[in-house]
Amino acid sequence: MDQHKLATHLHSLGLSVIPVRNKVPQIKWKQYQTERCTADKLDEWFDGDGDYACTGNCVAIVTGAISGIVAVDCDTLDNWRTDTDVHQRTLRGRHFIYRHPGGVVPNRTGIAPNVDIRGDGGYICAYIESIKWCADELEAMPVYKCEAGTGVAEAATSYRVHGRKAKQLAPVLRI
């Protein structure tokens, strides 16, 4: 997959993208949590000619209000179902993508075994399946739900997964 093509496609959908290698940003990326890069920056990062460009850069999508998305990062596919059709396979599981609800959605790890939330100030690696995303799909995504005024952990309910107690996001993820 041509990373420049993928970055350009995701950027055209209104997503903020940055270059990463081995899941580590290759730039200082704080500014891209509040502003999207330019097309010239995309060329610099992914076309092989810029100061930052080098073989091996991959695309990451900055999550949160800047891109209008929240990602539920599941490192296992065992028994997980969601109410969103926008997702992508990862090396170990899936990213399930939701519309950002407004306000602040914090990043949270360990919501359930192998389940994290990537919200404001986070990012996810973009995999080949995301090249199929289109504006209509992103517009139709369900809104990420969390009780107003509470953190994600407080909005979770307890369940048992594989004999271990786990927290489940309701109604985002269902077992």
N, C-alpha and C. Protein backbone atom coordinates (compact mmCIF):
# COMPACT_ATOMS: atom_id res chain seq x y z
N MET A 1 0.85 -1.19 0.00
CA MET A 1 0.00 0.00 0.00
C MET A 1 0.88 1.23 0.00
N ASP A 2 0.59 2.15 -0.88
CA ASP A 2 1.28 3.43 -0.97
C ASP A 2 0.81 4.31 0.19
N GLN A 3 1.69 4.59 1.13
CA GLN A 3 1.34 5.36 2.32
C GLN A 3 0.94 6.80 1.98
N HIS A 4 1.55 7.38 0.95
CA HIS A 4 1.17 8.72 0.53
C HIS A 4 -0.28 8.74 0.05
N LYS A 5 -0.65 7.75 -0.72
CA LYS A 5 -2.04 7.65 -1.22
C LYS A 5 -3.01 7.48 -0.05
N LEU A 6 -2.66 6.63 0.91
CA LEU A 6 -3.51 6.40 2.07
C LEU A 6 -3.64 7.69 2.89
N ALA A 7 -2.53 8.37 3.14
CA ALA A 7 -2.55 9.62 3.92
C ALA A 7 -3.41 10.67 3.22
N THR A 8 -3.26 10.80 1.92
CA THR A 8 -4.02 11.78 1.15
C THR A 8 -5.52 11.46 1.20
N HIS A 9 -5.86 10.18 1.07
CA HIS A 9 -7.26 9.77 1.13
C HIS A 9 -7.88 10.12 2.50
N LEU A 10 -7.20 9.73 3.57
CA LEU A 10 -7.73 9.99 4.91
C LEU A 10 -7.82 11.49 5.19
N HIS A 11 -6.83 12.24 4.74
CA HIS A 11 -6.84 13.69 4.90
C HIS A 11 -8.03 14.30 4.16
N SER A 12 -8.33 13.77 2.97
CA SER A 12 -9.46 14.29 2.19
C SER A 12 -10.80 14.03 2.87
N LEU A 13 -10.84 13.06 3.78
CA LEU A 13 -12.06 12.77 4.55
C LEU A 13 -12.19 13.67 5.78
N GLY A 14 -11.21 14.55 5.98
CA GLY A 14 -11.26 15.47 7.12
C GLY A 14 -10.52 14.97 8.34
N LEU A 15 -9.76 13.88 8.20
CA LEU A 15 -9.02 13.32 9.33
C LEU A 15 -7.64 13.96 9.43
N SER A 16 -7.16 14.14 10.64
CA SER A 16 -5.81 14.63 10.87
C SER A 16 -4.88 13.42 10.84
N VAL A 17 -3.82 13.47 10.04
CA VAL A 17 -2.89 12.35 9.94
C VAL A 17 -1.47 12.80 10.24
N ILE A 18 -0.67 11.85 10.73
CA ILE A 18 0.74 12.10 11.03
C ILE A 18 1.55 10.87 10.60
N PRO A 19 2.87 11.05 10.40
CA PRO A 19 3.71 9.89 10.07
C PRO A 19 4.20 9.18 11.34
N VAL A 20 4.17 7.86 11.31
CA VAL A 20 4.69 7.05 12.41
C VAL A 20 5.56 5.93 11.84
N ARG A 21 6.43 5.42 12.69
CA ARG A 21 7.20 4.22 12.36
C ARG A 21 7.18 3.36 13.61
N ASN A 22 6.77 2.10 13.45
CA ASN A 22 6.63 1.20 14.60
C ASN A 22 5.76 1.82 15.69
N LYS A 23 4.69 2.48 15.27
CA LYS A 23 3.70 3.12 16.14
C LYS A 23 4.23 4.33 16.91
N VAL A 24 5.40 4.84 16.54
CA VAL A 24 5.99 6.00 17.21
C VAL A 24 5.97 7.18 16.23
N PRO A 25 5.40 8.34 16.64
CA PRO A 25 5.37 9.50 15.75
C PRO A 25 6.78 9.90 15.32
N GLN A 26 6.90 10.26 14.05
CA GLN A 26 8.19 10.67 13.50
C GLN A 26 8.35 12.18 13.47
N ILE A 27 7.38 12.88 14.05
CA ILE A 27 7.40 14.34 14.12
C ILE A 27 6.92 14.75 15.51
N LYS A 28 7.10 16.03 15.84
CA LYS A 28 6.43 16.57 17.02
C LYS A 28 4.99 16.78 16.58
N TRP A 29 4.07 16.08 17.21
CA TRP A 29 2.71 16.03 16.66
C TRP A 29 1.65 16.74 17.48
N LYS A 30 2.02 17.39 18.57
CA LYS A 30 1.04 18.06 19.43
C LYS A 30 0.16 19.03 18.65
N GLN A 31 0.74 19.81 17.74
CA GLN A 31 -0.05 20.79 16.99
C GLN A 31 -1.11 20.12 16.13
N TYR A 32 -0.88 18.87 15.73
CA TYR A 32 -1.83 18.18 14.86
C TYR A 32 -2.99 17.56 15.65
N GLN A 33 -2.99 17.79 16.96
CA GLN A 33 -4.14 17.43 17.78
C GLN A 33 -5.20 18.52 17.71
N THR A 34 -4.81 19.71 17.23
CA THR A 34 -5.75 20.82 17.14
C THR A 34 -5.82 21.44 15.75
N GLU A 35 -4.91 21.08 14.86
CA GLU A 35 -4.97 21.58 13.48
C GLU A 35 -4.51 20.49 12.53
N ARG A 36 -5.15 20.44 11.38
CA ARG A 36 -4.76 19.44 10.38
C ARG A 36 -3.57 19.94 9.58
N CYS A 37 -2.76 19.01 9.12
CA CYS A 37 -1.61 19.38 8.30
C CYS A 37 -2.08 19.83 6.91
N THR A 38 -1.19 20.41 6.17
CA THR A 38 -1.48 20.84 4.80
C THR A 38 -1.14 19.71 3.84
N ALA A 39 -1.60 19.85 2.62
CA ALA A 39 -1.26 18.88 1.57
C ALA A 39 0.25 18.86 1.33
N ASP A 40 0.89 20.02 1.44
CA ASP A 40 2.34 20.08 1.28
C ASP A 40 3.06 19.26 2.35
N LYS A 41 2.54 19.31 3.59
CA LYS A 41 3.14 18.51 4.67
C LYS A 41 2.99 17.01 4.37
N LEU A 42 1.82 16.62 3.87
CA LEU A 42 1.62 15.21 3.50
C LEU A 42 2.68 14.78 2.50
N ASP A 43 2.91 15.63 1.49
CA ASP A 43 3.94 15.31 0.49
C ASP A 43 5.31 15.20 1.15
N GLU A 44 5.61 16.13 2.05
CA GLU A 44 6.90 16.12 2.74
C GLU A 44 7.09 14.85 3.55
N TRP A 45 6.04 14.43 4.26
CA TRP A 45 6.14 13.28 5.15
C TRP A 45 6.12 11.95 4.42
N PHE A 46 5.31 11.84 3.35
CA PHE A 46 5.05 10.53 2.78
C PHE A 46 5.51 10.34 1.34
N ASP A 47 6.00 11.41 0.70
CA ASP A 47 6.36 11.29 -0.71
C ASP A 47 7.84 11.01 -0.93
N GLY A 48 8.62 10.99 0.15
CA GLY A 48 10.02 10.62 0.02
C GLY A 48 10.98 11.75 -0.24
N ASP A 49 10.49 13.00 -0.34
CA ASP A 49 11.39 14.11 -0.67
C ASP A 49 11.63 15.08 0.47
N GLY A 50 10.83 15.05 1.52
CA GLY A 50 10.92 16.04 2.58
C GLY A 50 11.93 15.69 3.65
N ASP A 51 12.13 16.63 4.58
CA ASP A 51 13.08 16.43 5.68
C ASP A 51 12.71 15.24 6.55
N TYR A 52 11.40 15.01 6.73
CA TYR A 52 10.94 13.94 7.61
C TYR A 52 10.72 12.63 6.87
N ALA A 53 10.60 12.71 5.57
CA ALA A 53 10.24 11.52 4.80
C ALA A 53 11.40 10.54 4.75
N CYS A 54 11.06 9.30 4.93
CA CYS A 54 12.03 8.23 4.76
C CYS A 54 11.26 6.93 4.59
N THR A 55 11.89 5.99 3.99
CA THR A 55 11.25 4.70 3.77
C THR A 55 10.81 4.13 5.10
N GLY A 56 9.59 3.65 5.15
CA GLY A 56 9.10 3.02 6.36
C GLY A 56 8.10 3.84 7.15
N ASN A 57 7.91 5.13 6.79
CA ASN A 57 6.89 5.90 7.49
C ASN A 57 5.51 5.35 7.15
N CYS A 58 4.69 5.19 8.16
CA CYS A 58 3.32 4.77 7.99
C CYS A 58 2.40 5.89 8.45
N VAL A 59 1.13 5.73 8.15
CA VAL A 59 0.14 6.76 8.47
C VAL A 59 -0.52 6.45 9.81
N ALA A 60 -0.69 7.48 10.63
CA ALA A 60 -1.51 7.37 11.83
C ALA A 60 -2.60 8.43 11.75
N ILE A 61 -3.77 8.10 12.30
CA ILE A 61 -4.90 9.02 12.34
C ILE A 61 -4.97 9.59 13.76
N VAL A 62 -4.94 10.91 13.86
CA VAL A 62 -5.08 11.56 15.16
C VAL A 62 -6.55 11.49 15.54
N THR A 63 -6.84 10.91 16.69
CA THR A 63 -8.22 10.77 17.13
C THR A 63 -8.65 11.99 17.93
N GLY A 64 -9.92 12.08 18.21
CA GLY A 64 -10.43 13.19 18.99
C GLY A 64 -11.19 14.18 18.13
N ALA A 65 -11.44 15.34 18.71
CA ALA A 65 -12.26 16.36 18.06
C ALA A 65 -11.67 16.81 16.73
N ILE A 66 -10.35 16.89 16.60
CA ILE A 66 -9.73 17.35 15.36
C ILE A 66 -10.15 16.52 14.16
N SER A 67 -10.28 15.21 14.34
CA SER A 67 -10.70 14.32 13.26
C SER A 67 -12.18 13.95 13.36
N GLY A 68 -12.79 14.29 14.48
CA GLY A 68 -14.20 13.97 14.66
C GLY A 68 -14.48 12.51 14.96
N ILE A 69 -13.44 11.78 15.47
CA ILE A 69 -13.62 10.36 15.73
C ILE A 69 -13.09 9.94 17.10
N VAL A 70 -13.62 8.85 17.60
CA VAL A 70 -13.12 8.14 18.78
C VAL A 70 -12.94 6.70 18.32
N ALA A 71 -11.83 6.08 18.69
CA ALA A 71 -11.58 4.69 18.31
C ALA A 71 -11.60 3.79 19.53
N VAL A 72 -12.30 2.69 19.42
CA VAL A 72 -12.24 1.63 20.43
C VAL A 72 -11.26 0.60 19.87
N ASP A 73 -10.14 0.44 20.55
CA ASP A 73 -9.03 -0.40 20.10
C ASP A 73 -9.11 -1.75 20.81
N CYS A 74 -9.53 -2.78 20.08
CA CYS A 74 -9.66 -4.13 20.63
C CYS A 74 -8.52 -5.00 20.11
N ASP A 75 -7.69 -5.47 21.01
CA ASP A 75 -6.57 -6.31 20.61
C ASP A 75 -6.93 -7.79 20.51
N THR A 76 -8.20 -8.09 20.58
CA THR A 76 -8.68 -9.45 20.36
C THR A 76 -10.04 -9.35 19.70
N LEU A 77 -10.39 -10.32 18.91
CA LEU A 77 -11.70 -10.31 18.26
C LEU A 77 -12.67 -11.24 18.98
N ASP A 78 -12.23 -11.91 20.02
CA ASP A 78 -13.06 -12.88 20.72
C ASP A 78 -14.33 -12.25 21.25
N ASN A 79 -15.44 -12.64 20.69
CA ASN A 79 -16.77 -12.29 21.20
C ASN A 79 -17.13 -10.81 21.18
N TRP A 80 -16.40 -9.97 20.50
CA TRP A 80 -16.73 -8.55 20.50
C TRP A 80 -17.62 -8.21 19.32
N ARG A 81 -18.67 -7.44 19.58
CA ARG A 81 -19.54 -6.91 18.54
C ARG A 81 -19.74 -5.43 18.83
N THR A 82 -19.99 -4.63 17.81
CA THR A 82 -20.23 -3.21 18.03
C THR A 82 -21.39 -2.75 17.15
N ASP A 83 -21.77 -1.51 17.34
CA ASP A 83 -22.85 -0.94 16.53
C ASP A 83 -22.32 0.01 15.46
N THR A 84 -21.05 -0.09 15.09
CA THR A 84 -20.49 0.73 14.02
C THR A 84 -20.03 -0.17 12.88
N ASP A 85 -20.23 0.34 11.66
CA ASP A 85 -19.77 -0.38 10.47
C ASP A 85 -18.38 0.08 10.05
N VAL A 86 -17.88 1.16 10.66
CA VAL A 86 -16.58 1.69 10.29
C VAL A 86 -15.54 1.09 11.23
N HIS A 87 -14.65 0.30 10.66
CA HIS A 87 -13.62 -0.35 11.46
C HIS A 87 -12.46 -0.72 10.54
N GLN A 88 -11.39 -1.18 11.14
CA GLN A 88 -10.25 -1.68 10.37
C GLN A 88 -9.56 -2.76 11.18
N ARG A 89 -9.04 -3.74 10.47
CA ARG A 89 -8.23 -4.77 11.12
C ARG A 89 -6.89 -4.18 11.51
N THR A 90 -6.40 -4.63 12.65
CA THR A 90 -5.06 -4.24 13.09
C THR A 90 -4.21 -5.50 13.12
N LEU A 91 -2.99 -5.40 13.58
CA LEU A 91 -2.14 -6.58 13.65
C LEU A 91 -2.66 -7.61 14.65
N ARG A 92 -3.39 -7.12 15.70
CA ARG A 92 -3.87 -8.04 16.74
C ARG A 92 -5.37 -8.04 16.94
N GLY A 93 -6.11 -7.19 16.26
CA GLY A 93 -7.55 -7.11 16.50
C GLY A 93 -8.22 -6.15 15.54
N ARG A 94 -8.96 -5.19 16.09
CA ARG A 94 -9.68 -4.20 15.27
C ARG A 94 -9.75 -2.85 15.98
N HIS A 95 -9.87 -1.81 15.16
CA HIS A 95 -10.24 -0.49 15.63
C HIS A 95 -11.69 -0.27 15.19
N PHE A 96 -12.56 0.03 16.15
CA PHE A 96 -13.95 0.37 15.84
C PHE A 96 -14.07 1.88 15.96
N ILE A 97 -14.58 2.53 14.92
CA ILE A 97 -14.55 3.98 14.82
C ILE A 97 -15.94 4.56 15.05
N TYR A 98 -15.99 5.59 15.90
CA TYR A 98 -17.23 6.29 16.24
C TYR A 98 -17.06 7.78 16.02
N ARG A 99 -18.18 8.47 15.80
CA ARG A 99 -18.15 9.93 15.71
C ARG A 99 -17.88 10.49 17.10
N HIS A 100 -17.06 11.52 17.14
CA HIS A 100 -16.74 12.21 18.39
C HIS A 100 -18.00 12.92 18.88
N PRO A 101 -18.35 12.80 20.17
CA PRO A 101 -19.59 13.39 20.67
C PRO A 101 -19.51 14.87 21.03
N GLY A 102 -18.32 15.47 20.92
CA GLY A 102 -18.13 16.84 21.39
C GLY A 102 -17.57 16.79 22.80
N GLY A 103 -17.13 17.92 23.29
CA GLY A 103 -16.50 17.93 24.61
C GLY A 103 -15.14 17.24 24.55
N VAL A 104 -14.74 16.65 25.66
CA VAL A 104 -13.45 15.97 25.73
C VAL A 104 -13.69 14.48 25.98
N VAL A 105 -13.07 13.66 25.16
CA VAL A 105 -13.10 12.21 25.35
C VAL A 105 -11.66 11.79 25.65
N PRO A 106 -11.37 11.42 26.90
CA PRO A 106 -9.98 11.08 27.25
C PRO A 106 -9.58 9.71 26.69
N ASN A 107 -8.28 9.55 26.51
CA ASN A 107 -7.74 8.23 26.19
C ASN A 107 -7.80 7.39 27.45
N ARG A 108 -8.16 6.14 27.32
CA ARG A 108 -8.22 5.24 28.47
C ARG A 108 -7.71 3.88 28.05
N THR A 109 -6.89 3.28 28.88
CA THR A 109 -6.40 1.93 28.61
C THR A 109 -7.04 0.96 29.60
N GLY A 110 -7.15 -0.28 29.18
CA GLY A 110 -7.63 -1.33 30.07
C GLY A 110 -9.10 -1.22 30.44
N ILE A 111 -9.93 -0.68 29.58
CA ILE A 111 -11.36 -0.60 29.84
C ILE A 111 -11.92 -2.00 30.05
N ALA A 112 -11.44 -2.93 29.26
CA ALA A 112 -11.69 -4.36 29.40
C ALA A 112 -10.38 -5.01 29.00
N PRO A 113 -10.21 -6.30 29.25
CA PRO A 113 -8.96 -6.92 28.81
C PRO A 113 -8.73 -6.67 27.32
N ASN A 114 -7.58 -6.10 27.00
CA ASN A 114 -7.18 -5.84 25.62
C ASN A 114 -8.05 -4.82 24.90
N VAL A 115 -8.70 -3.91 25.63
CA VAL A 115 -9.56 -2.88 25.02
C VAL A 115 -9.16 -1.51 25.57
N ASP A 116 -8.85 -0.59 24.65
CA ASP A 116 -8.49 0.78 24.99
C ASP A 116 -9.36 1.75 24.21
N ILE A 117 -9.43 2.98 24.69
CA ILE A 117 -10.15 4.06 24.00
C ILE A 117 -9.11 5.08 23.54
N ARG A 118 -9.20 5.47 22.27
CA ARG A 118 -8.35 6.52 21.72
C ARG A 118 -9.25 7.71 21.39
N GLY A 119 -9.15 8.73 22.22
CA GLY A 119 -9.96 9.93 22.05
C GLY A 119 -9.07 11.13 21.81
N ASP A 120 -9.37 12.24 22.47
CA ASP A 120 -8.60 13.47 22.28
C ASP A 120 -7.17 13.26 22.76
N GLY A 121 -6.22 13.66 21.91
CA GLY A 121 -4.81 13.50 22.25
C GLY A 121 -4.26 12.12 21.97
N GLY A 122 -4.98 11.31 21.22
CA GLY A 122 -4.51 9.97 20.88
C GLY A 122 -4.36 9.80 19.37
N TYR A 123 -3.91 8.63 18.98
CA TYR A 123 -3.84 8.30 17.56
C TYR A 123 -3.90 6.79 17.40
N ILE A 124 -4.27 6.39 16.19
CA ILE A 124 -4.27 4.98 15.82
C ILE A 124 -3.53 4.84 14.50
N CYS A 125 -2.88 3.73 14.29
CA CYS A 125 -2.26 3.47 12.99
C CYS A 125 -3.35 3.20 11.97
N ALA A 126 -3.15 3.69 10.77
CA ALA A 126 -4.09 3.45 9.68
C ALA A 126 -3.63 2.20 8.93
N TYR A 127 -4.53 1.27 8.76
CA TYR A 127 -4.23 0.04 8.03
C TYR A 127 -4.94 0.07 6.68
N ILE A 128 -4.60 -0.87 5.84
CA ILE A 128 -5.05 -0.87 4.45
C ILE A 128 -6.57 -0.76 4.30
N GLU A 129 -7.32 -1.34 5.22
CA GLU A 129 -8.79 -1.31 5.11
C GLU A 129 -9.34 0.11 5.15
N SER A 130 -8.63 1.03 5.79
CA SER A 130 -9.15 2.40 5.90
C SER A 130 -9.17 3.12 4.56
N ILE A 131 -8.49 2.59 3.54
CA ILE A 131 -8.54 3.21 2.21
C ILE A 131 -9.94 3.10 1.63
N LYS A 132 -10.74 2.17 2.15
CA LYS A 132 -12.12 1.96 1.67
C LYS A 132 -13.12 2.90 2.33
N TRP A 133 -12.71 3.59 3.40
CA TRP A 133 -13.64 4.48 4.09
C TRP A 133 -14.06 5.60 3.16
N CYS A 134 -15.31 6.01 3.26
CA CYS A 134 -15.79 7.13 2.45
C CYS A 134 -16.53 8.11 3.35
N ALA A 135 -16.73 9.32 2.84
CA ALA A 135 -17.34 10.38 3.63
C ALA A 135 -18.73 9.98 4.12
N ASP A 136 -19.51 9.31 3.29
CA ASP A 136 -20.87 8.89 3.69
C ASP A 136 -20.82 7.94 4.87
N GLU A 137 -19.86 7.00 4.87
CA GLU A 137 -19.73 6.07 5.99
C GLU A 137 -19.37 6.81 7.28
N LEU A 138 -18.43 7.72 7.18
CA LEU A 138 -18.01 8.46 8.37
C LEU A 138 -19.16 9.31 8.91
N GLU A 139 -19.95 9.87 8.02
CA GLU A 139 -21.09 10.69 8.45
C GLU A 139 -22.15 9.84 9.14
N ALA A 140 -22.29 8.59 8.72
CA ALA A 140 -23.33 7.70 9.27
C ALA A 140 -22.89 6.96 10.53
N MET A 141 -21.63 7.14 10.95
CA MET A 141 -21.15 6.43 12.13
C MET A 141 -21.98 6.79 13.35
N PRO A 142 -22.22 5.81 14.23
CA PRO A 142 -22.88 6.16 15.48
C PRO A 142 -21.96 7.03 16.34
N VAL A 143 -22.58 7.87 17.16
CA VAL A 143 -21.81 8.73 18.06
C VAL A 143 -21.32 7.89 19.23
N TYR A 144 -20.08 8.09 19.61
CA TYR A 144 -19.51 7.42 20.79
C TYR A 144 -20.31 7.90 21.99
N LYS A 145 -20.74 6.96 22.83
CA LYS A 145 -21.60 7.30 23.96
C LYS A 145 -20.90 7.07 25.29
N CYS A 146 -20.99 8.06 26.12
CA CYS A 146 -20.48 7.98 27.48
C CYS A 146 -21.34 8.93 28.29
N GLU A 147 -21.73 8.55 29.47
CA GLU A 147 -22.60 9.41 30.27
C GLU A 147 -21.94 10.76 30.48
N ALA A 148 -22.72 11.82 30.29
CA ALA A 148 -22.20 13.17 30.43
C ALA A 148 -21.64 13.39 31.83
N GLY A 149 -20.48 14.01 31.89
CA GLY A 149 -19.89 14.36 33.17
C GLY A 149 -19.14 13.24 33.86
N THR A 150 -19.04 12.09 33.22
CA THR A 150 -18.30 10.98 33.84
C THR A 150 -17.20 10.52 32.92
N GLY A 151 -16.22 9.86 33.48
CA GLY A 151 -15.18 9.25 32.67
C GLY A 151 -15.67 7.96 32.07
N VAL A 152 -14.94 7.47 31.11
CA VAL A 152 -15.32 6.23 30.44
C VAL A 152 -15.44 5.08 31.44
N ALA A 153 -14.52 5.00 32.39
CA ALA A 153 -14.56 3.89 33.36
C ALA A 153 -15.84 3.94 34.18
N GLU A 154 -16.28 5.14 34.55
CA GLU A 154 -17.49 5.26 35.34
C GLU A 154 -18.73 4.89 34.54
N ALA A 155 -18.66 5.04 33.21
CA ALA A 155 -19.81 4.72 32.36
C ALA A 155 -19.86 3.24 32.01
N ALA A 156 -18.84 2.51 32.40
CA ALA A 156 -18.77 1.08 32.07
C ALA A 156 -19.56 0.25 33.07
N THR A 157 -19.95 -0.92 32.61
CA THR A 157 -20.62 -1.87 33.50
C THR A 157 -19.76 -3.11 33.59
N SER A 158 -19.91 -3.87 34.66
CA SER A 158 -19.06 -5.04 34.85
C SER A 158 -19.62 -6.28 34.15
N TYR A 159 -18.75 -7.05 33.57
CA TYR A 159 -19.08 -8.32 32.93
C TYR A 159 -17.96 -9.30 33.22
N ARG A 160 -18.20 -10.56 32.92
CA ARG A 160 -17.14 -11.56 33.00
C ARG A 160 -16.76 -11.98 31.59
N VAL A 161 -15.48 -11.94 31.31
CA VAL A 161 -14.96 -12.34 30.02
C VAL A 161 -13.91 -13.41 30.27
N HIS A 162 -14.09 -14.56 29.68
CA HIS A 162 -13.14 -15.67 29.83
C HIS A 162 -12.82 -15.93 31.30
N GLY A 163 -13.87 -15.87 32.15
CA GLY A 163 -13.70 -16.18 33.57
C GLY A 163 -13.09 -15.07 34.39
N ARG A 164 -12.74 -13.93 33.75
CA ARG A 164 -12.15 -12.81 34.49
C ARG A 164 -13.12 -11.65 34.50
N LYS A 165 -13.14 -10.91 35.59
CA LYS A 165 -14.01 -9.74 35.65
C LYS A 165 -13.45 -8.67 34.72
N ALA A 166 -14.33 -8.05 33.96
CA ALA A 166 -13.90 -7.02 33.01
C ALA A 166 -14.94 -5.91 33.01
N LYS A 167 -14.53 -4.74 32.55
CA LYS A 167 -15.47 -3.65 32.38
C LYS A 167 -15.85 -3.60 30.91
N GLN A 168 -17.12 -3.34 30.66
CA GLN A 168 -17.61 -3.26 29.29
C GLN A 168 -18.17 -1.88 29.05
N LEU A 169 -17.87 -1.33 27.93
CA LEU A 169 -18.46 -0.04 27.57
C LEU A 169 -19.89 -0.28 27.12
N ALA A 170 -20.81 0.40 27.72
CA ALA A 170 -22.20 0.26 27.33
C ALA A 170 -22.66 1.61 26.80
N PRO A 171 -23.26 1.68 25.65
CA PRO A 171 -23.65 0.60 24.77
C PRO A 171 -22.67 0.36 23.62
N VAL A 172 -21.47 0.91 23.69
CA VAL A 172 -20.54 0.81 22.55
C VAL A 172 -20.16 -0.63 22.24
N LEU A 173 -19.64 -1.36 23.23
CA LEU A 173 -19.24 -2.73 23.00
C LEU A 173 -20.19 -3.67 23.73
N ARG A 174 -20.53 -4.76 23.09
CA ARG A 174 -21.39 -5.75 23.72
C ARG A 174 -20.74 -7.12 23.58
N ILE A 175 -20.84 -7.93 24.63
CA ILE A 175 -20.30 -9.29 24.58
C ILE A 175 -21.44 -10.25 24.34
